[in-house]
Amino acid sequence: NALGDSLGAVLAKDSDHPTKDDLARGQMAVLTMVSVMTEQYLYKAHSPANATKLSNAAVQDLLIHMLKSLKA
C-alpha cells in the first residue's frame, strides 16, 4: 500500500495533496508492474506471457509507456 500511495503521489498533479483517484492510479500501477514482471520474468513458460512472444525489452518499453499514461 505504501508503494502504491507513493506512486500515486508521483502521478498526481499536486504531489503534496494526492486525491483518491491519484492513489488508486498508483495502486493500479503497482499491481500492473508486479503482475507483468511476474508473468514475463518468473513464470513466462507457464503463463499468458508465453503466448505474447514479446521480448523483455518490448515488454519494458510498453509497460513504461502504459504507466506514463497514468500521469494526471
Protein backbone atom coordinates (compact mmCIF):
# COMPACT_ATOMS: atom_id res chain seq x y z
CA ASN A 1 0.00 0.00 0.00
CA ALA A 2 2.78 2.42 0.84
CA LEU A 3 4.43 1.90 -2.55
CA GLY A 4 1.11 2.43 -4.32
CA ASP A 5 0.40 5.58 -2.34
CA SER A 6 3.90 6.90 -3.06
CA LEU A 7 3.50 6.21 -6.75
CA GLY A 8 0.05 7.81 -6.63
CA ALA A 9 1.63 10.95 -5.24
CA VAL A 10 4.20 10.91 -8.05
CA LEU A 11 1.40 10.57 -10.60
CA ALA A 12 -0.64 13.36 -9.02
CA LYS A 13 -0.81 16.91 -10.34
CA ASP A 14 -0.20 18.12 -6.78
CA SER A 15 2.12 15.59 -5.16
CA ASP A 16 1.63 17.15 -1.72
CA HIS A 17 -2.13 16.54 -1.89
CA PRO A 18 -2.85 13.41 -3.94
CA THR A 19 -6.54 12.68 -4.49
CA LYS A 20 -8.23 9.30 -4.06
CA ASP A 21 -8.04 8.89 -7.83
CA ASP A 22 -4.29 9.58 -7.76
CA LEU A 23 -3.81 6.95 -5.06
CA ALA A 24 -5.97 4.47 -6.99
CA ARG A 25 -3.84 5.04 -10.11
CA GLY A 26 -0.73 4.43 -8.02
CA GLN A 27 -2.15 1.17 -6.66
CA MET A 28 -3.11 0.07 -10.18
CA ALA A 29 0.36 0.93 -11.46
CA VAL A 30 1.96 -1.23 -8.75
CA LEU A 31 -0.43 -4.11 -9.45
CA THR A 32 0.28 -3.88 -13.17
CA MET A 33 4.05 -3.72 -12.73
CA VAL A 34 4.15 -6.68 -10.34
CA SER A 35 1.78 -8.75 -12.48
CA VAL A 36 3.62 -8.09 -15.72
CA MET A 37 7.04 -8.71 -14.20
CA THR A 38 5.85 -11.91 -12.52
CA GLU A 39 4.38 -13.20 -15.77
CA GLN A 40 7.22 -12.09 -18.03
CA TYR A 41 10.22 -12.98 -15.90
CA LEU A 42 9.29 -15.59 -13.29
CA TYR A 43 6.65 -17.77 -14.93
CA LYS A 44 6.95 -16.99 -18.64
CA ALA A 45 6.74 -20.63 -19.70
CA HIS A 46 3.57 -21.20 -17.68
CA SER A 47 1.56 -18.03 -18.18
CA PRO A 48 -0.19 -15.95 -20.83
CA ALA A 49 3.12 -14.12 -21.33
CA ASN A 50 4.29 -17.20 -23.22
CA ALA A 51 1.70 -16.55 -25.93
CA THR A 52 2.64 -12.90 -26.47
CA LYS A 53 6.07 -13.61 -27.93
CA LEU A 54 7.26 -10.14 -26.84
CA SER A 55 10.89 -9.63 -25.97
CA ASN A 56 11.80 -8.43 -22.49
CA ALA A 57 12.81 -5.06 -23.96
CA ALA A 58 9.46 -4.71 -25.72
CA VAL A 59 7.59 -5.54 -22.53
CA GLN A 60 9.63 -2.97 -20.60
CA ASP A 61 9.02 -0.27 -23.21
CA LEU A 62 5.29 -0.95 -23.36
CA LEU A 63 4.98 -1.08 -19.58
CA ILE A 64 6.78 2.26 -19.22
CA HIS A 65 4.55 3.82 -21.89
CA MET A 66 1.42 2.48 -20.19
CA LEU A 67 2.48 3.70 -16.76
CA LYS A 68 3.33 7.15 -18.11
CA SER A 69 -0.21 7.38 -19.44
CA LEU A 70 -1.49 7.15 -15.84
CA LYS A 71 0.01 10.56 -15.06
CA ALA A 72 -2.65 13.10 -14.16
